[in-house]
Amino acid sequence: MSTSFVDKARITIKAGNGGDGAVAFHREKYIANGGPDGGDGGNGGNVVFTVDDNMSTLMDFRYKRKYVAPNGMPGQGKLCYGKSGADLLIRVPRGTLIRDTETGAIMHDMSDGKDWLAAKGGRGGWGNTHFASPTRQVPRFAKPGLPGETHDITLELKLLADVGLVGFPNVGKSTFLSVVSKAHPKIANYHFTTLFPNLGVVYASEGSSFVMADIPGIIEGAAEGAGLGFDFLRHIDRCRLLVHIIDVSGSEGRDPVEDYFAIKEEICHYDAELAERPQIVVANKTDLLEEGSDNLQRLRDAVEQDGFRFYEMSAVTHEGTREIVLQCAEMLSKLPPVRQYEADYVPPVPKIDTSEELTIEFDDDMWVVEGPWLQKLVSTVNFEDYESRMFFDRVMREAGVYERMEQQGVKDGDTICIYNLIFEYKE
């Protein structure tokens, strides 16, 4: 694979931690016992993916594998809240799929141009101001910030092209693309000249254009990883129309009919749905056909028997290329838009080791419960969601937290404080 094209990368992203809340008291001349005025910590920065249409590969992720958003700043006295961490923007090419590395499930498809929040920053901890009450006028504690989310993800680039050119190496795909667009792919008379996909914008007529991709040559066994085909077959996943180009001249001693069925088999083996995609077949290098050869007719019979449209051209002399461009434009006008992938990632149930020790203390009129695993639990629960709240309650009961509190004297209606969560205890 060329070092200038990278279409798959694995990275780790981490959102910022929330800043700690402050313990502080108001101090001013002539004002005695000014009360608590510790500010809250700032929220940690989020990790956000954004589309950059100036990027065409994932090369930027080859050497940098870890992306960390800034933490929130701690709170200060005089009710000064800590500054929230800035969001970390990660730029990717349009068409990048974001997958969960462990499961391979799709988390998001970066095709619509909208930013996507991938990891949420931790909430800032509360300052001691929040814990003041008529019976607790001098709260000497605040809450630490919560950790930000962390994910191991895999980026996978699937080019956004309307038309994909497929075929064996050296059949003239790059030449055809250079003729019908302003793309300048490398062209030479040897196999695997094209080592990475090339894109070109093809103008069919006034107000009608489409994107065409030259996919590196596929060979037998590509669907199992042979040659370059396996790495780049993914780039035709989104193509609405496939143009299968075949060297009909037999200049390399190959039989065009056998080539047609071989590529058809590779595509079907890679993805059966892809094999059903609209397709036209083009016989190239007609200018090199030997007199008396039956290659063209035999190929035409095989293709039309399969129900595909068949065209002849010589990409070198430009003969027949315009007709193929117009046919592509006509077919695309009737086809649905470029495919977008639906997310199928389901966040796993957090693994919480409840064997770690907790501290349960009664301070004035409030029960304060803290511990490492409890902090992790609170940071992973969305308390605005009913199912999440039920999960939190179930973990607490199964860990025996409520039972321990009852043994220590908690009563119905008492106030419970678990980090930034305050609620009344109900028996």
Protein backbone atom coordinates (compact mmCIF):
# COMPACT_ATOMS: atom_id res chain seq x y z
CA MET A 1 0.00 0.00 0.00
CA SER A 2 1.25 3.47 -0.77
CA THR A 3 2.48 5.42 2.23
CA SER A 4 0.67 8.48 0.89
CA PHE A 5 -2.77 6.91 1.31
CA VAL A 6 -4.11 5.63 4.61
CA ASP A 7 -7.74 4.53 4.80
CA LYS A 8 -7.82 2.82 8.20
CA ALA A 9 -6.50 3.95 11.57
CA ARG A 10 -6.96 3.01 15.21
CA ILE A 11 -6.86 5.74 17.85
CA THR A 12 -7.74 6.36 21.49
CA ILE A 13 -9.77 9.40 22.47
CA LYS A 14 -10.24 10.77 25.98
CA ALA A 15 -12.47 13.63 27.03
CA GLY A 16 -11.25 16.01 29.72
CA ASN A 17 -11.86 15.48 33.42
CA GLY A 18 -14.02 17.90 35.33
CA GLY A 19 -12.29 20.39 37.62
CA ASP A 20 -12.58 20.03 41.41
CA GLY A 21 -14.97 22.21 43.38
CA ALA A 22 -13.44 24.69 45.84
CA VAL A 23 -13.70 24.93 49.61
CA ALA A 24 -13.62 28.64 50.44
CA PHE A 25 -15.28 31.16 52.76
CA HIS A 26 -16.17 34.77 52.29
CA ARG A 27 -13.64 37.10 53.88
CA GLU A 28 -14.38 40.84 53.96
CA LYS A 29 -13.73 43.61 56.40
CA TYR A 30 -16.61 44.32 58.79
CA ILE A 31 -18.40 41.13 57.66
CA ALA A 32 -18.04 38.29 60.14
CA ASN A 33 -18.84 34.74 59.21
CA GLY A 34 -19.40 35.55 55.54
CA GLY A 35 -20.28 31.97 54.75
CA PRO A 36 -19.08 29.54 52.07
CA ASP A 37 -18.27 30.89 48.61
CA GLY A 38 -16.33 28.06 46.92
CA GLY A 39 -17.03 27.89 43.18
CA ASP A 40 -17.66 24.82 41.04
CA GLY A 41 -15.01 23.22 38.88
CA GLY A 42 -15.28 23.58 35.10
CA ASN A 43 -16.49 20.77 32.88
CA GLY A 44 -13.93 18.75 30.95
CA GLY A 45 -13.63 19.32 27.21
CA ASN A 46 -15.52 17.05 24.81
CA VAL A 47 -13.96 15.18 21.89
CA VAL A 48 -15.79 16.12 18.69
CA PHE A 49 -15.28 14.81 15.15
CA THR A 50 -15.74 17.23 12.26
CA VAL A 51 -15.59 16.79 8.47
CA ASP A 52 -12.76 18.46 6.57
CA ASP A 53 -13.33 18.33 2.82
CA ASN A 54 -9.68 19.23 2.23
CA MET A 55 -8.62 15.86 3.64
CA SER A 56 -8.65 12.78 1.43
CA THR A 57 -6.84 10.18 3.59
CA LEU A 58 -6.36 9.24 7.25
CA MET A 59 -2.62 9.90 7.03
CA ASP A 60 -2.76 12.34 9.97
CA PHE A 61 -3.63 9.43 12.28
CA ARG A 62 -0.73 7.18 11.31
CA TYR A 63 1.72 8.64 13.85
CA LYS A 64 -0.54 10.25 16.42
CA ARG A 65 -2.73 7.67 18.12
CA LYS A 66 -3.97 9.35 21.29
CA TYR A 67 -6.19 12.44 21.46
CA VAL A 68 -6.95 14.02 24.83
CA ALA A 69 -9.24 16.99 25.44
CA PRO A 70 -8.27 19.58 28.11
CA ASN A 71 -9.45 19.17 31.69
CA GLY A 72 -11.74 21.66 33.40
CA MET A 73 -10.09 24.12 35.78
CA PRO A 74 -10.77 23.88 39.55
CA GLY A 75 -13.17 26.31 41.21
CA GLN A 76 -11.94 29.16 43.40
CA GLY A 77 -13.16 31.36 46.20
CA LYS A 78 -15.55 34.31 45.78
CA LEU A 79 -17.87 32.00 43.81
CA CYS A 80 -15.41 31.90 40.92
CA TYR A 81 -16.24 28.92 38.76
CA GLY A 82 -13.43 27.06 37.02
CA LYS A 83 -13.06 27.48 33.27
CA SER A 84 -14.40 24.56 31.23
CA GLY A 85 -11.94 22.68 29.04
CA ALA A 86 -12.11 23.52 25.35
CA ASP A 87 -13.59 20.90 23.03
CA LEU A 88 -11.03 18.92 21.03
CA LEU A 89 -11.95 18.93 17.33
CA ILE A 90 -10.66 15.97 15.32
CA ARG A 91 -10.83 16.50 11.56
CA VAL A 92 -11.54 13.56 9.28
CA PRO A 93 -12.33 13.18 5.56
CA ARG A 94 -15.95 13.08 4.52
CA GLY A 95 -17.09 9.46 4.34
CA THR A 96 -15.15 8.25 7.39
CA LEU A 97 -16.84 5.55 9.46
CA ILE A 98 -16.18 5.63 13.20
CA ARG A 99 -16.27 2.15 14.75
CA ASP A 100 -15.87 0.78 18.26
CA THR A 101 -12.59 -1.10 18.09
CA GLU A 102 -13.60 -3.92 20.44
CA THR A 103 -16.92 -4.83 18.78
CA GLY A 104 -16.46 -3.37 15.28
CA ALA A 105 -19.90 -1.76 15.57
CA ILE A 106 -20.51 1.52 13.74
CA MET A 107 -20.73 4.49 16.10
CA HIS A 108 -21.19 7.17 13.43
CA ASP A 109 -20.90 7.84 9.70
CA MET A 110 -19.16 11.15 8.95
CA SER A 111 -20.89 11.68 5.63
CA ASP A 112 -23.50 14.35 6.31
CA GLY A 113 -20.99 17.04 7.28
CA LYS A 114 -22.37 17.47 10.80
CA ASP A 115 -20.11 17.47 13.86
CA TRP A 116 -20.39 14.43 16.14
CA LEU A 117 -19.75 14.28 19.88
CA ALA A 118 -17.66 11.14 20.43
CA ALA A 119 -16.60 11.47 24.08
CA LYS A 120 -18.26 13.67 26.69
CA GLY A 121 -16.18 15.59 29.18
CA GLY A 122 -16.56 14.97 32.92
CA ARG A 123 -18.77 17.27 34.97
CA GLY A 124 -17.06 19.76 37.23
CA GLY A 125 -17.25 19.13 40.98
CA TRP A 126 -19.46 21.27 43.19
CA GLY A 127 -17.95 23.88 45.46
CA ASN A 128 -18.88 24.00 49.14
CA THR A 129 -21.53 26.67 48.44
CA HIS A 130 -23.90 23.90 47.30
CA PHE A 131 -23.76 22.17 50.66
CA ALA A 132 -24.72 25.09 52.90
CA SER A 133 -27.98 24.71 54.84
CA PRO A 134 -29.53 26.22 57.99
CA THR A 135 -27.96 23.46 60.07
CA ARG A 136 -24.72 23.22 58.05
CA GLN A 137 -23.55 26.79 57.75
CA VAL A 138 -19.84 25.98 57.47
CA PRO A 139 -19.48 23.06 55.00
CA ARG A 140 -15.80 22.20 54.83
CA PHE A 141 -15.98 19.89 51.87
CA ALA A 142 -16.43 20.13 48.11
CA LYS A 143 -16.66 17.52 45.36
CA PRO A 144 -14.00 16.39 42.88
CA GLY A 145 -14.63 16.58 39.17
CA LEU A 146 -15.76 13.46 37.35
CA PRO A 147 -13.59 11.73 34.74
CA GLY A 148 -14.23 12.20 31.02
CA GLU A 149 -15.19 9.35 28.70
CA THR A 150 -12.54 7.24 26.99
CA HIS A 151 -12.97 5.19 23.80
CA ASP A 152 -10.78 3.03 21.59
CA ILE A 153 -12.08 3.62 18.08
CA THR A 154 -11.22 2.62 14.54
CA LEU A 155 -11.52 5.11 11.69
CA GLU A 156 -12.37 3.60 8.32
CA LEU A 157 -12.52 5.72 5.20
CA LYS A 158 -15.10 4.72 2.58
CA LEU A 159 -14.87 7.13 -0.32
CA LEU A 160 -17.98 9.08 -1.27
CA ALA A 161 -18.14 8.48 -5.01
CA ASP A 162 -21.16 8.08 -7.27
CA VAL A 163 -19.37 5.86 -9.82
CA GLY A 164 -16.69 3.27 -9.08
CA LEU A 165 -14.36 1.96 -11.79
CA VAL A 166 -13.50 -1.69 -11.21
CA GLY A 167 -11.45 -4.22 -13.14
CA PHE A 168 -8.14 -6.01 -13.35
CA PRO A 169 -4.86 -4.07 -13.25
CA ASN A 170 -3.76 -2.27 -16.42
CA VAL A 171 -7.16 -2.35 -18.17
CA GLY A 172 -7.31 1.44 -18.58
CA LYS A 173 -9.30 2.66 -15.57
CA SER A 174 -6.87 5.48 -14.75
CA THR A 175 -6.68 6.53 -18.39
CA PHE A 176 -10.47 6.69 -18.61
CA LEU A 177 -10.69 8.77 -15.43
CA SER A 178 -8.05 11.21 -16.74
CA VAL A 179 -9.96 11.58 -20.01
CA VAL A 180 -13.42 12.30 -18.56
CA SER A 181 -12.31 14.42 -15.55
CA LYS A 182 -9.51 16.73 -14.47
CA ALA A 183 -7.96 14.07 -12.27
CA HIS A 184 -4.31 13.23 -12.93
CA PRO A 185 -3.78 9.62 -11.81
CA LYS A 186 -0.49 7.90 -12.50
CA ILE A 187 -0.65 6.10 -15.86
CA ALA A 188 1.91 3.55 -17.04
CA ASN A 189 2.02 0.26 -18.93
CA TYR A 190 2.49 -2.06 -15.95
CA HIS A 191 0.35 -3.64 -13.28
CA PHE A 192 -0.67 -1.85 -10.07
CA THR A 193 0.24 1.60 -11.36
CA THR A 194 -2.62 2.82 -9.16
CA LEU A 195 -1.79 2.12 -5.52
CA PHE A 196 -4.56 4.19 -3.96
CA PRO A 197 -8.03 5.35 -5.09
CA ASN A 198 -8.23 8.46 -7.25
CA LEU A 199 -11.28 10.70 -7.38
CA GLY A 200 -12.37 12.92 -10.23
CA VAL A 201 -15.41 15.14 -10.85
CA VAL A 202 -17.02 14.34 -14.19
CA TYR A 203 -19.11 17.05 -15.88
CA ALA A 204 -21.75 15.43 -18.08
CA SER A 205 -23.67 18.53 -19.11
CA GLU A 206 -24.79 21.91 -17.79
CA GLY A 207 -25.79 21.39 -14.14
CA SER A 208 -25.04 17.66 -14.23
CA SER A 209 -21.89 16.24 -12.67
CA PHE A 210 -20.84 13.30 -10.54
CA VAL A 211 -17.82 11.92 -8.66
CA MET A 212 -15.96 8.98 -10.16
CA ALA A 213 -13.45 6.81 -8.27
CA ASP A 214 -10.67 4.78 -9.83
CA ILE A 215 -10.32 1.75 -7.55
CA PRO A 216 -6.90 -0.01 -7.59
CA GLY A 217 -6.81 -3.18 -9.69
CA ILE A 218 -8.58 -6.20 -8.26
CA ILE A 219 -7.17 -9.69 -8.78
CA GLU A 220 -8.40 -13.21 -8.10
CA GLY A 221 -8.56 -13.78 -4.36
CA ALA A 222 -8.98 -10.09 -3.54
CA ALA A 223 -11.91 -10.82 -1.24
CA GLU A 224 -9.55 -13.00 0.84
CA GLY A 225 -6.86 -10.33 0.94
CA ALA A 226 -4.81 -11.03 -2.19
CA GLY A 227 -3.18 -8.10 -3.96
CA LEU A 228 -4.42 -4.59 -3.26
CA GLY A 229 -8.08 -5.35 -3.85
CA PHE A 230 -9.06 -6.29 -0.31
CA ASP A 231 -7.82 -2.98 1.10
CA PHE A 232 -9.78 -0.97 -1.43
CA LEU A 233 -12.89 -3.00 -2.16
CA ARG A 234 -14.45 -1.08 0.73
CA HIS A 235 -14.28 2.08 -1.36
CA ILE A 236 -16.91 0.83 -3.78
CA ASP A 237 -19.36 0.14 -0.93
CA ARG A 238 -20.97 3.55 -1.33
CA CYS A 239 -20.84 3.78 -5.13
CA ARG A 240 -24.28 3.99 -6.67
CA LEU A 241 -23.09 2.71 -10.02
CA LEU A 242 -20.21 0.39 -10.96
CA VAL A 243 -18.39 0.64 -14.28
CA HIS A 244 -16.54 -2.60 -15.00
CA ILE A 245 -13.73 -1.97 -17.49
CA ILE A 246 -12.25 -4.92 -19.37
CA ASP A 247 -9.27 -5.14 -21.71
CA VAL A 248 -10.99 -6.67 -24.72
CA SER A 249 -7.84 -6.75 -26.86
CA GLY A 250 -6.30 -9.69 -25.01
CA SER A 251 -2.96 -7.89 -25.34
CA GLU A 252 -1.65 -9.54 -22.16
CA GLY A 253 -2.77 -13.02 -23.09
CA ARG A 254 -5.88 -12.87 -20.91
CA ASP A 255 -9.36 -13.83 -22.00
CA PRO A 256 -11.82 -10.89 -21.53
CA VAL A 257 -14.78 -13.17 -20.82
CA GLU A 258 -12.87 -14.98 -18.08
CA ASP A 259 -11.81 -11.60 -16.66
CA TYR A 260 -15.43 -10.43 -16.60
CA PHE A 261 -16.61 -13.45 -14.61
CA ALA A 262 -13.55 -13.36 -12.31
CA ILE A 263 -14.15 -9.76 -11.19
CA LYS A 264 -17.88 -10.41 -10.91
CA GLU A 265 -17.11 -13.36 -8.60
CA GLU A 266 -14.72 -11.31 -6.43
CA ILE A 267 -17.28 -8.54 -5.91
CA CYS A 268 -20.00 -11.08 -5.09
CA HIS A 269 -17.70 -12.87 -2.66
CA TYR A 270 -16.83 -9.61 -0.92
CA ASP A 271 -20.46 -8.43 -0.60
CA ALA A 272 -23.45 -10.12 -2.24
CA GLU A 273 -25.47 -6.90 -1.99
CA LEU A 274 -22.74 -5.05 -3.88
CA ALA A 275 -22.98 -7.53 -6.73
CA GLU A 276 -26.61 -6.45 -7.23
CA ARG A 277 -25.61 -2.79 -7.59
CA PRO A 278 -26.43 -1.16 -10.98
CA GLN A 279 -23.53 -1.81 -13.32
CA ILE A 280 -22.40 -1.21 -16.87
CA VAL A 281 -19.60 -3.11 -18.58
CA VAL A 282 -17.11 -1.39 -20.88
CA ALA A 283 -14.84 -3.10 -23.38
CA ASN A 284 -11.68 -0.99 -23.54
CA LYS A 285 -8.69 -1.01 -25.90
CA THR A 286 -10.86 -1.69 -28.95
CA ASP A 287 -8.17 0.06 -31.00
CA LEU A 288 -5.83 -2.85 -30.27
CA LEU A 289 -8.23 -5.61 -31.34
CA GLU A 290 -6.64 -7.98 -33.83
CA GLU A 291 -8.47 -8.56 -37.08
CA GLY A 292 -10.66 -11.61 -36.89
CA SER A 293 -10.78 -11.68 -33.06
CA ASP A 294 -14.10 -12.76 -31.55
CA ASN A 295 -13.29 -11.31 -28.10
CA LEU A 296 -15.65 -8.36 -28.47
CA GLN A 297 -18.66 -10.41 -29.54
CA ARG A 298 -18.10 -13.13 -26.95
CA LEU A 299 -17.85 -10.51 -24.19
CA ARG A 300 -20.94 -8.69 -25.43
CA ASP A 301 -22.95 -11.96 -25.40
CA ALA A 302 -21.84 -12.79 -21.82
CA VAL A 303 -22.62 -9.32 -20.48
CA GLU A 304 -26.01 -8.94 -22.17
CA GLN A 305 -26.96 -12.42 -20.98
CA ASP A 306 -26.43 -11.12 -17.43
CA GLY A 307 -28.67 -8.13 -18.19
CA PHE A 308 -26.02 -5.39 -18.01
CA ARG A 309 -25.53 -2.57 -20.50
CA PHE A 310 -22.48 -3.03 -22.71
CA TYR A 311 -20.29 -0.32 -24.25
CA GLU A 312 -17.15 -0.16 -26.35
CA MET A 313 -14.40 2.44 -26.06
CA SER A 314 -10.77 3.28 -26.55
CA ALA A 315 -9.74 5.46 -23.62
CA VAL A 316 -6.48 6.37 -25.38
CA THR A 317 -8.20 7.74 -28.49
CA HIS A 318 -11.26 8.95 -26.48
CA GLU A 319 -13.56 7.00 -28.80
CA GLY A 320 -16.82 6.08 -27.00
CA THR A 321 -15.91 7.81 -23.69
CA ARG A 322 -18.49 10.58 -24.04
CA GLU A 323 -21.31 8.11 -24.59
CA ILE A 324 -20.37 6.28 -21.38
CA VAL A 325 -20.31 9.52 -19.35
CA LEU A 326 -23.80 10.46 -20.58
CA GLN A 327 -25.10 6.98 -19.77
CA CYS A 328 -23.67 7.19 -16.24
CA ALA A 329 -25.31 10.57 -15.70
CA GLU A 330 -28.67 9.28 -16.92
CA MET A 331 -28.58 6.21 -14.67
CA LEU A 332 -27.45 8.22 -11.63
CA SER A 333 -30.38 10.61 -12.04
CA LYS A 334 -32.72 7.68 -11.32
CA LEU A 335 -30.74 6.09 -8.48
CA PRO A 336 -31.04 6.83 -4.74
CA PRO A 337 -28.39 9.05 -3.11
CA VAL A 338 -25.03 7.79 -1.85
CA ARG A 339 -25.43 5.23 0.91
CA GLN A 340 -25.06 6.30 4.53
CA TYR A 341 -24.49 3.77 7.28
CA GLU A 342 -26.74 3.56 10.32
CA ALA A 343 -25.07 3.39 13.72
CA ASP A 344 -25.45 -0.02 15.37
CA TYR A 345 -23.20 0.53 18.37
CA VAL A 346 -24.75 -0.23 21.74
CA PRO A 347 -22.76 1.15 24.70
CA PRO A 348 -21.74 -1.74 26.96
CA VAL A 349 -23.00 -1.93 30.52
CA PRO A 350 -20.24 -0.37 32.65
CA LYS A 351 -18.16 -2.92 34.55
CA ILE A 352 -18.11 -1.67 38.11
CA ASP A 353 -16.00 -3.46 40.74
CA THR A 354 -18.11 -2.85 43.83
CA SER A 355 -15.67 -4.71 46.07
CA GLU A 356 -13.68 -1.52 46.70
CA GLU A 357 -14.34 0.19 50.02
CA LEU A 358 -16.73 3.13 50.38
CA THR A 359 -16.89 5.85 53.01
CA ILE A 360 -20.30 6.69 54.46
CA GLU A 361 -20.33 9.68 56.78
CA PHE A 362 -23.09 11.75 58.37
CA ASP A 363 -22.25 15.47 58.30
CA ASP A 364 -24.81 17.67 60.07
CA ASP A 365 -28.01 16.76 58.19
CA MET A 366 -26.47 15.06 55.13
CA TRP A 367 -25.17 11.58 54.39
CA VAL A 368 -22.02 11.75 52.24
CA VAL A 369 -21.12 8.59 50.33
CA GLU A 370 -17.84 8.40 48.39
CA GLY A 371 -15.48 5.85 46.86
CA PRO A 372 -13.53 5.19 43.62
CA TRP A 373 -16.02 2.76 42.10
CA LEU A 374 -18.94 4.98 43.04
CA GLN A 375 -17.29 7.93 41.31
CA LYS A 376 -16.92 5.82 38.16
CA LEU A 377 -20.56 4.73 38.39
CA VAL A 378 -21.88 8.29 38.72
CA SER A 379 -19.77 9.44 35.76
CA THR A 380 -21.30 6.79 33.47
CA VAL A 381 -24.96 7.29 34.38
CA ASN A 382 -27.32 9.70 32.64
CA PHE A 383 -29.68 10.66 35.45
CA GLU A 384 -32.14 12.21 33.00
CA ASP A 385 -32.79 8.75 31.56
CA TYR A 386 -35.13 6.40 33.46
CA GLU A 387 -33.28 3.20 32.47
CA SER A 388 -29.96 4.71 33.55
CA ARG A 389 -31.40 5.71 36.93
CA MET A 390 -32.77 2.20 37.43
CA PHE A 391 -29.32 0.76 36.59
CA PHE A 392 -27.73 3.07 39.19
CA ASP A 393 -30.27 2.07 41.82
CA ARG A 394 -29.79 -1.64 41.08
CA VAL A 395 -26.01 -1.44 41.41
CA MET A 396 -26.33 0.43 44.70
CA ARG A 397 -28.71 -2.16 46.14
CA GLU A 398 -26.73 -5.17 44.92
CA ALA A 399 -23.54 -3.67 46.39
CA GLY A 400 -25.29 -3.35 49.76
CA VAL A 401 -24.78 0.43 49.97
CA TYR A 402 -28.34 1.20 51.09
CA GLU A 403 -28.23 -1.66 53.61
CA ARG A 404 -25.02 -0.27 55.13
CA MET A 405 -26.55 3.19 55.37
CA GLU A 406 -29.61 1.81 57.13
CA GLN A 407 -27.35 0.02 59.59
CA GLN A 408 -25.64 3.35 60.28
CA GLY A 409 -28.97 5.05 60.96
CA VAL A 410 -30.21 6.63 57.70
CA LYS A 411 -33.93 7.43 57.86
CA ASP A 412 -36.67 8.14 55.37
CA GLY A 413 -36.35 11.72 54.10
CA ASP A 414 -32.65 12.12 54.93
CA THR A 415 -30.50 13.90 52.34
CA ILE A 416 -27.94 11.77 50.48
CA CYS A 417 -24.96 13.31 48.68
CA ILE A 418 -23.03 11.18 46.16
CA TYR A 419 -20.59 13.46 44.36
CA ASN A 420 -22.74 15.90 42.33
CA LEU A 421 -25.89 13.92 43.03
CA ILE A 422 -28.16 14.96 45.95
CA PHE A 423 -31.44 13.21 46.68
CA GLU A 424 -33.80 12.25 49.51
CA TYR A 425 -33.60 8.73 50.85
CA LYS A 426 -36.82 6.72 50.48
CA GLU A 427 -37.29 3.46 52.32
